[in-house]
N, C-alpha and C. Protein backbone atom coordinates (compact mmCIF):
# COMPACT_ATOMS: atom_id res chain seq x y z
N UNK A 1 -40.63 41.45 -40.40
CA UNK A 1 -41.21 41.50 -39.07
C UNK A 1 -41.50 40.24 -38.46
N UNK A 2 -41.91 39.25 -39.26
CA UNK A 2 -42.25 38.04 -39.05
C UNK A 2 -40.78 37.26 -38.55
N UNK A 3 -39.80 37.44 -39.10
CA UNK A 3 -38.48 36.81 -38.80
C UNK A 3 -38.05 37.49 -37.23
N UNK A 4 -38.31 38.70 -36.91
CA UNK A 4 -37.75 39.34 -35.67
C UNK A 4 -38.69 38.51 -34.79
N UNK A 5 -39.80 38.50 -34.93
CA UNK A 5 -40.83 37.72 -34.16
C UNK A 5 -40.39 36.12 -33.43
N UNK A 6 -40.12 35.50 -34.66
CA UNK A 6 -39.76 34.19 -34.42
C UNK A 6 -38.41 34.07 -33.84
N UNK A 7 -37.45 35.08 -34.14
CA UNK A 7 -36.15 35.00 -33.57
C UNK A 7 -36.43 35.25 -32.07
N UNK A 8 -37.19 36.46 -31.69
CA UNK A 8 -37.68 36.81 -30.51
C UNK A 8 -37.95 35.66 -29.48
N UNK A 9 -39.00 35.02 -30.18
CA UNK A 9 -39.61 33.85 -29.46
C UNK A 9 -38.39 32.75 -29.16
N UNK A 10 -38.01 32.28 -30.12
CA UNK A 10 -36.76 31.43 -30.12
C UNK A 10 -35.70 31.70 -28.68
N UNK A 11 -35.24 33.15 -28.80
CA UNK A 11 -34.34 33.56 -27.85
C UNK A 11 -35.05 33.53 -26.45
N UNK A 12 -36.21 33.59 -26.26
CA UNK A 12 -37.11 33.58 -24.95
C UNK A 12 -37.04 32.18 -24.77
N UNK A 13 -37.21 31.16 -25.51
CA UNK A 13 -37.17 29.92 -25.39
C UNK A 13 -35.83 29.44 -24.65
N UNK A 14 -34.87 29.77 -25.42
CA UNK A 14 -33.66 29.41 -25.11
C UNK A 14 -33.36 29.87 -23.40
N UNK A 15 -33.61 31.25 -23.34
CA UNK A 15 -33.46 31.90 -21.90
C UNK A 15 -34.27 30.89 -21.02
N UNK A 16 -35.54 30.69 -21.27
CA UNK A 16 -36.27 30.23 -20.34
C UNK A 16 -35.76 28.83 -19.94
N UNK A 17 -35.15 28.12 -20.88
CA UNK A 17 -34.49 26.68 -20.62
C UNK A 17 -33.21 27.05 -19.97
N UNK A 18 -32.51 27.91 -19.98
CA UNK A 18 -31.28 27.92 -19.28
C UNK A 18 -31.79 28.44 -17.78
N UNK A 19 -32.77 29.32 -17.74
CA UNK A 19 -32.71 29.56 -16.40
C UNK A 19 -33.47 28.38 -15.47
N UNK A 20 -34.21 27.33 -16.07
CA UNK A 20 -34.90 26.40 -15.53
C UNK A 20 -33.80 25.32 -15.19
N UNK A 21 -32.77 25.34 -16.18
CA UNK A 21 -31.53 24.31 -15.41
C UNK A 21 -30.87 24.68 -14.45
N UNK A 22 -30.32 23.80 -13.48
CA UNK A 22 -29.72 24.15 -12.34
C UNK A 22 -28.84 23.24 -12.05
N UNK A 23 -27.63 23.60 -11.73
CA UNK A 23 -26.72 22.44 -11.53
C UNK A 23 -26.81 21.62 -10.24
N UNK A 24 -26.79 20.38 -10.63
CA UNK A 24 -27.19 19.35 -9.71
C UNK A 24 -25.85 18.66 -9.31
N UNK A 25 -25.97 18.29 -8.02
CA UNK A 25 -24.79 17.56 -7.59
C UNK A 25 -24.74 16.04 -7.82
N UNK A 26 -23.69 15.36 -8.07
CA UNK A 26 -23.67 13.96 -8.66
C UNK A 26 -22.27 13.72 -8.31
N UNK A 27 -22.28 12.16 -8.02
CA UNK A 27 -21.05 11.38 -8.31
C UNK A 27 -20.93 10.17 -9.60
N UNK A 28 -19.91 10.51 -10.07
CA UNK A 28 -19.46 9.69 -11.31
C UNK A 28 -19.35 8.27 -10.96
N UNK A 29 -20.28 7.34 -11.42
CA UNK A 29 -20.11 5.91 -11.34
C UNK A 29 -19.16 5.09 -12.13
N UNK A 30 -19.69 5.47 -13.39
CA UNK A 30 -18.94 4.91 -14.75
C UNK A 30 -18.77 5.84 -15.82
N UNK A 31 -17.91 5.64 -16.64
CA UNK A 31 -17.61 6.42 -17.67
C UNK A 31 -17.30 5.33 -19.17
N UNK A 32 -18.00 5.68 -20.03
CA UNK A 32 -18.10 5.02 -21.51
C UNK A 32 -17.58 6.04 -22.53
N UNK A 33 -16.21 5.99 -22.57
CA UNK A 33 -15.91 7.04 -23.39
C UNK A 33 -16.25 6.59 -25.05
N UNK A 34 -16.29 5.12 -25.37
CA UNK A 34 -16.62 4.78 -26.78
C UNK A 34 -18.16 5.49 -26.88
N UNK A 35 -19.05 5.26 -26.35
CA UNK A 35 -20.37 5.51 -26.29
C UNK A 35 -20.77 7.10 -26.11
N UNK A 36 -19.79 7.87 -25.35
CA UNK A 36 -19.83 9.16 -25.00
C UNK A 36 -20.98 9.27 -23.69
N UNK A 37 -21.09 8.31 -22.93
CA UNK A 37 -22.03 8.17 -21.71
C UNK A 37 -21.18 8.33 -20.46
N UNK A 38 -22.07 8.68 -19.39
CA UNK A 38 -21.62 8.58 -18.01
C UNK A 38 -22.68 8.09 -17.18
N UNK A 39 -22.16 7.19 -16.27
CA UNK A 39 -23.53 7.01 -15.25
C UNK A 39 -22.87 7.97 -14.07
N UNK A 40 -24.21 8.42 -13.53
CA UNK A 40 -24.00 9.38 -12.49
C UNK A 40 -25.01 8.96 -11.19
N UNK A 41 -24.82 9.04 -10.09
CA UNK A 41 -25.80 9.05 -8.96
C UNK A 41 -25.80 10.63 -8.71
N UNK A 42 -27.05 11.04 -8.75
CA UNK A 42 -27.38 12.40 -8.63
C UNK A 42 -28.53 12.91 -7.75
N UNK A 43 -28.55 14.05 -7.48
CA UNK A 43 -29.89 14.66 -6.79
C UNK A 43 -31.07 14.87 -7.69
N UNK A 44 -32.01 15.54 -7.10
CA UNK A 44 -33.35 15.62 -7.99
C UNK A 44 -32.85 16.57 -9.12
N UNK A 45 -33.29 16.27 -10.35
CA UNK A 45 -33.08 17.39 -11.58
C UNK A 45 -34.58 18.13 -11.59
N UNK A 46 -34.55 18.99 -11.11
CA UNK A 46 -35.90 19.82 -11.14
C UNK A 46 -36.42 19.98 -12.66
N UNK A 47 -35.67 20.52 -13.60
CA UNK A 47 -36.31 20.78 -14.88
C UNK A 47 -36.61 19.71 -15.72
N UNK A 48 -36.06 18.44 -15.10
CA UNK A 48 -36.90 17.19 -15.87
C UNK A 48 -37.38 16.49 -14.91
N UNK A 49 -38.04 16.83 -13.74
CA UNK A 49 -38.96 16.38 -13.08
C UNK A 49 -38.64 14.91 -12.52
N UNK A 50 -37.14 15.01 -12.11
CA UNK A 50 -36.82 13.56 -11.82
C UNK A 50 -36.03 13.63 -10.53
N UNK A 51 -36.34 12.55 -9.95
CA UNK A 51 -35.88 12.14 -8.34
C UNK A 51 -34.64 11.78 -8.34
N UNK A 52 -34.01 11.80 -7.34
CA UNK A 52 -32.53 11.47 -7.17
C UNK A 52 -32.48 9.91 -7.66
N UNK A 53 -31.31 9.61 -8.16
CA UNK A 53 -31.23 8.16 -8.60
C UNK A 53 -29.79 8.05 -9.06
N UNK A 54 -29.44 6.61 -9.88
CA UNK A 54 -28.35 6.56 -10.35
C UNK A 54 -28.71 6.14 -12.02
N UNK A 55 -28.18 6.79 -12.82
CA UNK A 55 -28.65 6.65 -14.23
C UNK A 55 -27.48 6.96 -15.16
N UNK A 56 -27.68 6.70 -16.33
CA UNK A 56 -26.82 6.77 -17.62
C UNK A 56 -27.27 7.94 -18.22
N UNK A 57 -26.27 8.78 -18.32
CA UNK A 57 -26.52 10.18 -19.33
C UNK A 57 -25.74 9.98 -20.39
N UNK A 58 -26.21 10.74 -21.73
CA UNK A 58 -25.17 11.13 -22.96
C UNK A 58 -24.62 12.35 -22.63
N UNK A 59 -23.38 12.27 -22.89
CA UNK A 59 -22.59 13.77 -22.73
C UNK A 59 -22.80 14.72 -24.09
N UNK A 60 -23.10 15.85 -23.86
CA UNK A 60 -23.29 16.85 -24.94
C UNK A 60 -22.16 16.75 -25.89
N UNK A 61 -20.93 16.73 -25.13
CA UNK A 61 -19.78 17.05 -26.00
C UNK A 61 -18.97 15.89 -25.36
N UNK A 62 -18.16 14.85 -25.94
CA UNK A 62 -17.50 13.86 -25.44
C UNK A 62 -16.28 14.33 -24.74
N UNK A 63 -15.82 15.71 -24.96
CA UNK A 63 -14.56 16.10 -24.51
C UNK A 63 -14.98 16.44 -22.84
N UNK A 64 -16.31 16.56 -22.50
CA UNK A 64 -16.67 16.60 -21.09
C UNK A 64 -15.95 15.26 -20.42
N UNK A 65 -15.99 14.37 -20.84
CA UNK A 65 -15.50 12.92 -20.12
C UNK A 65 -14.08 13.08 -19.90
N UNK A 66 -13.10 13.91 -20.51
CA UNK A 66 -11.68 13.68 -20.40
C UNK A 66 -11.32 14.14 -19.04
N UNK A 67 -10.52 13.38 -18.30
CA UNK A 67 -10.10 13.83 -17.03
C UNK A 67 -11.15 13.35 -15.76
N UNK A 68 -12.24 12.71 -16.14
CA UNK A 68 -13.28 12.30 -15.37
C UNK A 68 -13.01 10.70 -14.82
N UNK A 69 -13.04 10.57 -13.73
CA UNK A 69 -13.24 9.01 -13.22
C UNK A 69 -14.11 8.59 -12.06
N UNK A 70 -14.48 7.45 -12.12
CA UNK A 70 -15.37 6.79 -11.08
C UNK A 70 -15.15 7.40 -9.85
N UNK A 71 -16.23 8.13 -9.26
CA UNK A 71 -15.77 8.46 -7.64
C UNK A 71 -15.61 9.94 -7.67
N UNK A 72 -15.46 10.90 -8.69
CA UNK A 72 -15.28 12.07 -8.98
C UNK A 72 -16.74 13.03 -8.68
N UNK A 73 -16.60 13.89 -7.74
CA UNK A 73 -17.92 14.36 -7.32
C UNK A 73 -18.02 15.69 -8.38
N UNK A 74 -19.05 15.78 -8.95
CA UNK A 74 -19.58 16.85 -9.97
C UNK A 74 -20.47 17.86 -9.88
N UNK A 75 -20.87 18.57 -10.33
CA UNK A 75 -22.02 19.63 -10.55
C UNK A 75 -22.35 19.46 -12.06
N UNK A 76 -23.55 19.36 -12.57
CA UNK A 76 -23.74 19.19 -13.94
C UNK A 76 -25.28 19.77 -14.16
N UNK A 77 -25.42 20.20 -15.44
CA UNK A 77 -26.58 20.67 -15.78
C UNK A 77 -27.30 19.51 -16.73
N UNK A 78 -28.64 19.09 -16.81
CA UNK A 78 -29.01 18.04 -17.93
C UNK A 78 -30.50 18.61 -18.29
N UNK A 79 -30.57 17.93 -19.66
CA UNK A 79 -31.68 18.67 -20.47
C UNK A 79 -32.07 17.26 -21.47
N UNK A 80 -33.42 17.52 -22.16
CA UNK A 80 -33.56 16.73 -23.39
C UNK A 80 -32.89 17.15 -24.52
N UNK A 81 -32.18 16.50 -25.27
CA UNK A 81 -31.44 16.78 -26.35
C UNK A 81 -31.91 15.78 -27.35
N UNK A 82 -32.78 15.92 -28.29
CA UNK A 82 -33.02 15.13 -29.27
C UNK A 82 -33.73 13.74 -28.93
N UNK A 83 -34.51 14.12 -27.86
CA UNK A 83 -35.18 12.94 -27.15
C UNK A 83 -34.22 12.18 -26.02
N UNK A 84 -32.95 12.40 -26.04
CA UNK A 84 -32.27 11.71 -24.89
C UNK A 84 -31.88 12.61 -23.65
N UNK A 85 -31.80 12.06 -22.63
CA UNK A 85 -31.46 13.00 -21.32
C UNK A 85 -29.86 13.09 -21.57
N UNK A 86 -29.38 14.26 -21.45
CA UNK A 86 -28.08 14.76 -21.86
C UNK A 86 -27.60 15.73 -20.93
N UNK A 87 -26.24 15.39 -20.71
CA UNK A 87 -25.39 16.41 -19.90
C UNK A 87 -25.36 17.35 -20.68
N UNK A 88 -25.45 18.76 -20.26
CA UNK A 88 -25.00 19.87 -21.00
C UNK A 88 -24.15 20.69 -20.82
N UNK A 89 -23.68 20.39 -19.40
CA UNK A 89 -22.61 21.23 -18.61
C UNK A 89 -22.30 20.55 -17.69
N UNK A 90 -20.86 20.31 -17.30
CA UNK A 90 -20.41 19.54 -16.18
C UNK A 90 -19.01 20.28 -15.70
N UNK A 91 -18.80 20.17 -14.29
CA UNK A 91 -17.74 20.71 -13.68
C UNK A 91 -17.39 19.61 -12.42
N UNK A 92 -16.23 19.47 -12.10
CA UNK A 92 -15.76 18.74 -11.21
C UNK A 92 -16.07 19.68 -9.67
N UNK A 93 -16.50 19.10 -8.83
CA UNK A 93 -16.79 19.95 -7.64
C UNK A 93 -15.49 19.96 -6.70
N UNK A 94 -15.45 20.74 -5.62
CA UNK A 94 -14.11 20.83 -4.96
C UNK A 94 -14.38 20.16 -3.67
């Protein structure tokens, strides 16, 4: 019974985190493929209590950076992963 309770609690935490994350509009300013990072000029990130600014993010998956270039308009989700603010989801805007 304890395993089910722990699993249930973990599932709720994951669902709550996903519900808090909202796609944020931004503009790619710089890409560092070697480091798996990108600089984004972005709007407010509510789940991180962060105002609009330009900052460097780590990409959760370096494959996210393929096909991106400076000036691209994007929508992305970000969260703290292992203590680092990380882009967890990204798509180009139209």
